[in-house]
Amino acid sequence: VQLQASGGGLAQAGGSLRLSCAASGFTLGPYAVGWFRQASGKAREGVSCIMFSSSETYYRESVKGRFTISADNAKNTVYLQIDSLKPEDTAVYYCAAGFLNCQSQLTPAGTKTDLYYYWGQGTEVTVSS
C-alpha cells in the first residue's frame, strides 16, 4: 500500500514536466489528493489538490495558470502538469492522500504528514535558468 511519485527531473526554464502520483494497494476514489513541494531551506507548501471522485481542483494562487492537476480513475493516478517552468519551481514534490479538504491542504497547517493516510516519497524537480 503506497503512493509513488515520479516524473521529476532537470528541466529548463520555460519547459514542462508532468509528475505522476500512482496509488497501489488501495483506491484513490474517496480521497482528496494533494501535491506539495519543499525547496531547500524553505517550508513545505501545498500547490494543488484534487477531489479524486469529483475531479474538483484547487491551486495555490502563485501557480494558477501554470499547474494543472488531473486524475485518471483507470490508472488510480493523479498527475501534476507543470508548464512554463521557473527556477523557483525547483523543489522536491510530494503527493498525499487523505480526507483533509483541499482548501485546508493548501494552507501551512495542511502540510503536516500526519494529516494524511498516505504520503509519497517525493520526486525532485530542478529548473535551470
Protein backbone atom coordinates (compact mmCIF):
# COMPACT_ATOMS: atom_id res chain seq x y z
CA VAL A 1 0.00 0.00 0.00
CA GLN A 2 1.74 3.12 -1.15
CA LEU A 3 1.81 6.30 -3.18
CA GLN A 4 4.56 6.52 -5.74
CA ALA A 5 5.51 9.96 -7.02
CA SER A 6 7.54 10.17 -10.20
CA GLY A 7 8.28 12.34 -13.20
CA GLY A 8 10.66 14.86 -11.72
CA GLY A 9 13.96 15.74 -13.28
CA LEU A 10 16.09 18.51 -14.66
CA ALA A 11 14.35 20.94 -16.99
CA GLN A 12 15.00 24.34 -18.45
CA ALA A 13 13.01 27.41 -17.54
CA GLY A 14 10.01 27.68 -19.81
CA GLY A 15 9.76 23.95 -20.25
CA SER A 16 7.25 21.45 -18.90
CA LEU A 17 7.16 18.42 -16.67
CA ARG A 18 4.37 16.03 -15.75
CA LEU A 19 4.52 14.49 -12.32
CA SER A 20 2.63 11.32 -11.51
CA CYS A 21 1.27 10.05 -8.22
CA ALA A 22 0.30 6.41 -8.54
CA ALA A 23 -1.52 4.55 -5.80
CA SER A 24 -1.07 0.84 -5.27
CA GLY A 25 -2.88 -1.39 -2.81
CA PHE A 26 -5.78 0.99 -2.37
CA THR A 27 -8.06 3.15 -4.45
CA LEU A 28 -7.79 6.93 -4.52
CA GLY A 29 -11.53 7.22 -5.04
CA PRO A 30 -12.59 8.50 -1.63
CA TYR A 31 -9.62 10.79 -1.09
CA ALA A 32 -8.52 14.34 -1.66
CA VAL A 33 -5.09 14.10 -3.26
CA GLY A 34 -2.67 16.95 -2.87
CA TRP A 35 0.67 17.91 -4.32
CA PHE A 36 3.16 19.64 -2.06
CA ARG A 37 6.66 20.93 -2.61
CA GLN A 38 9.58 21.77 -0.44
CA ALA A 39 12.50 23.78 -1.66
CA SER A 40 15.83 23.61 0.09
CA GLY A 41 15.73 25.65 3.28
CA LYS A 42 12.06 26.51 2.89
CA ALA A 43 8.85 25.29 4.44
CA ARG A 44 6.73 22.74 2.65
CA GLU A 45 3.80 24.24 0.79
CA GLY A 46 0.71 22.83 -0.83
CA VAL A 47 0.49 23.69 -4.50
CA SER A 48 -2.55 21.84 -5.79
CA CYS A 49 -5.26 19.42 -4.75
CA ILE A 50 -7.95 17.36 -6.42
CA MET A 51 -11.01 15.61 -5.09
CA PHE A 52 -10.46 12.29 -6.85
CA SER A 53 -14.12 11.33 -7.11
CA SER A 54 -15.38 14.63 -8.47
CA SER A 55 -12.21 15.98 -10.12
CA GLU A 56 -12.77 19.29 -8.37
CA THR A 57 -9.44 21.09 -8.41
CA TYR A 58 -7.70 23.68 -6.28
CA TYR A 59 -4.46 25.61 -6.77
CA ARG A 60 -2.14 27.77 -4.81
CA GLU A 61 -2.52 31.30 -6.14
CA SER A 62 1.11 31.54 -7.22
CA VAL A 63 0.86 28.52 -9.54
CA LYS A 64 -2.52 29.16 -11.14
CA GLY A 65 -2.31 29.13 -14.90
CA ARG A 66 0.88 27.06 -14.96
CA PHE A 67 -0.01 23.97 -12.92
CA THR A 68 -2.77 21.55 -13.89
CA ILE A 69 -3.83 18.70 -11.67
CA SER A 70 -5.83 15.81 -13.04
CA ALA A 71 -6.97 12.33 -12.09
CA ASP A 72 -7.11 9.07 -14.02
CA ASN A 73 -9.52 6.68 -12.38
CA ALA A 74 -8.50 3.75 -14.55
CA LYS A 75 -4.85 4.13 -13.60
CA ASN A 76 -5.57 5.15 -10.00
CA THR A 77 -3.17 8.02 -10.56
CA VAL A 78 -3.09 11.78 -10.11
CA TYR A 79 -0.98 13.96 -12.37
CA LEU A 80 0.51 17.41 -11.97
CA GLN A 81 1.35 19.11 -15.23
CA ILE A 82 3.78 21.98 -14.74
CA ASP A 83 4.17 24.35 -17.66
CA SER A 84 6.28 27.46 -18.12
CA LEU A 85 8.69 26.17 -15.51
CA LYS A 86 10.51 28.74 -13.41
CA PRO A 87 13.68 28.34 -11.36
CA GLU A 88 11.57 28.94 -8.25
CA ASP A 89 9.68 25.72 -9.02
CA THR A 90 12.82 23.84 -8.01
CA ALA A 91 11.85 21.62 -5.09
CA VAL A 92 11.04 18.10 -4.03
CA TYR A 93 7.43 17.42 -4.89
CA TYR A 94 5.31 15.10 -2.80
CA CYS A 95 1.81 13.76 -3.18
CA ALA A 96 -0.50 12.75 -0.37
CA ALA A 97 -3.98 11.29 0.01
CA GLY A 98 -6.32 11.95 2.87
CA PHE A 99 -9.67 13.26 3.95
CA LEU A 100 -8.48 16.77 4.73
CA ASN A 101 -10.38 19.05 2.37
CA CYS A 102 -8.47 20.63 -0.47
CA GLN A 103 -8.79 24.18 0.79
CA SER A 104 -7.10 23.16 4.04
CA GLN A 105 -4.40 21.19 2.24
CA LEU A 106 -3.22 24.40 0.61
CA THR A 107 -2.69 26.19 3.93
CA PRO A 108 0.50 25.99 6.01
CA ALA A 109 -1.33 23.92 8.60
CA GLY A 110 -2.24 21.40 5.91
CA THR A 111 1.35 20.36 5.15
CA LYS A 112 1.85 18.04 8.10
CA THR A 113 2.33 14.43 7.01
CA ASP A 114 0.31 13.02 9.91
CA LEU A 115 -2.83 14.63 8.49
CA TYR A 116 -2.80 12.19 5.58
CA TYR A 117 -3.37 8.47 5.27
CA TYR A 118 -0.77 8.13 2.53
CA TRP A 119 2.27 10.22 1.67
CA GLY A 120 4.51 9.63 -1.32
CA GLN A 121 8.29 9.58 -1.23
CA GLY A 122 8.86 12.68 -3.31
CA THR A 123 10.23 13.43 -6.74
CA GLU A 124 12.82 16.13 -7.31
CA VAL A 125 12.30 18.93 -9.81
CA THR A 126 15.22 21.11 -10.78
CA VAL A 127 14.71 24.04 -13.13
CA SER A 128 17.70 25.73 -14.69
CA SER A 129 17.57 29.34 -15.87
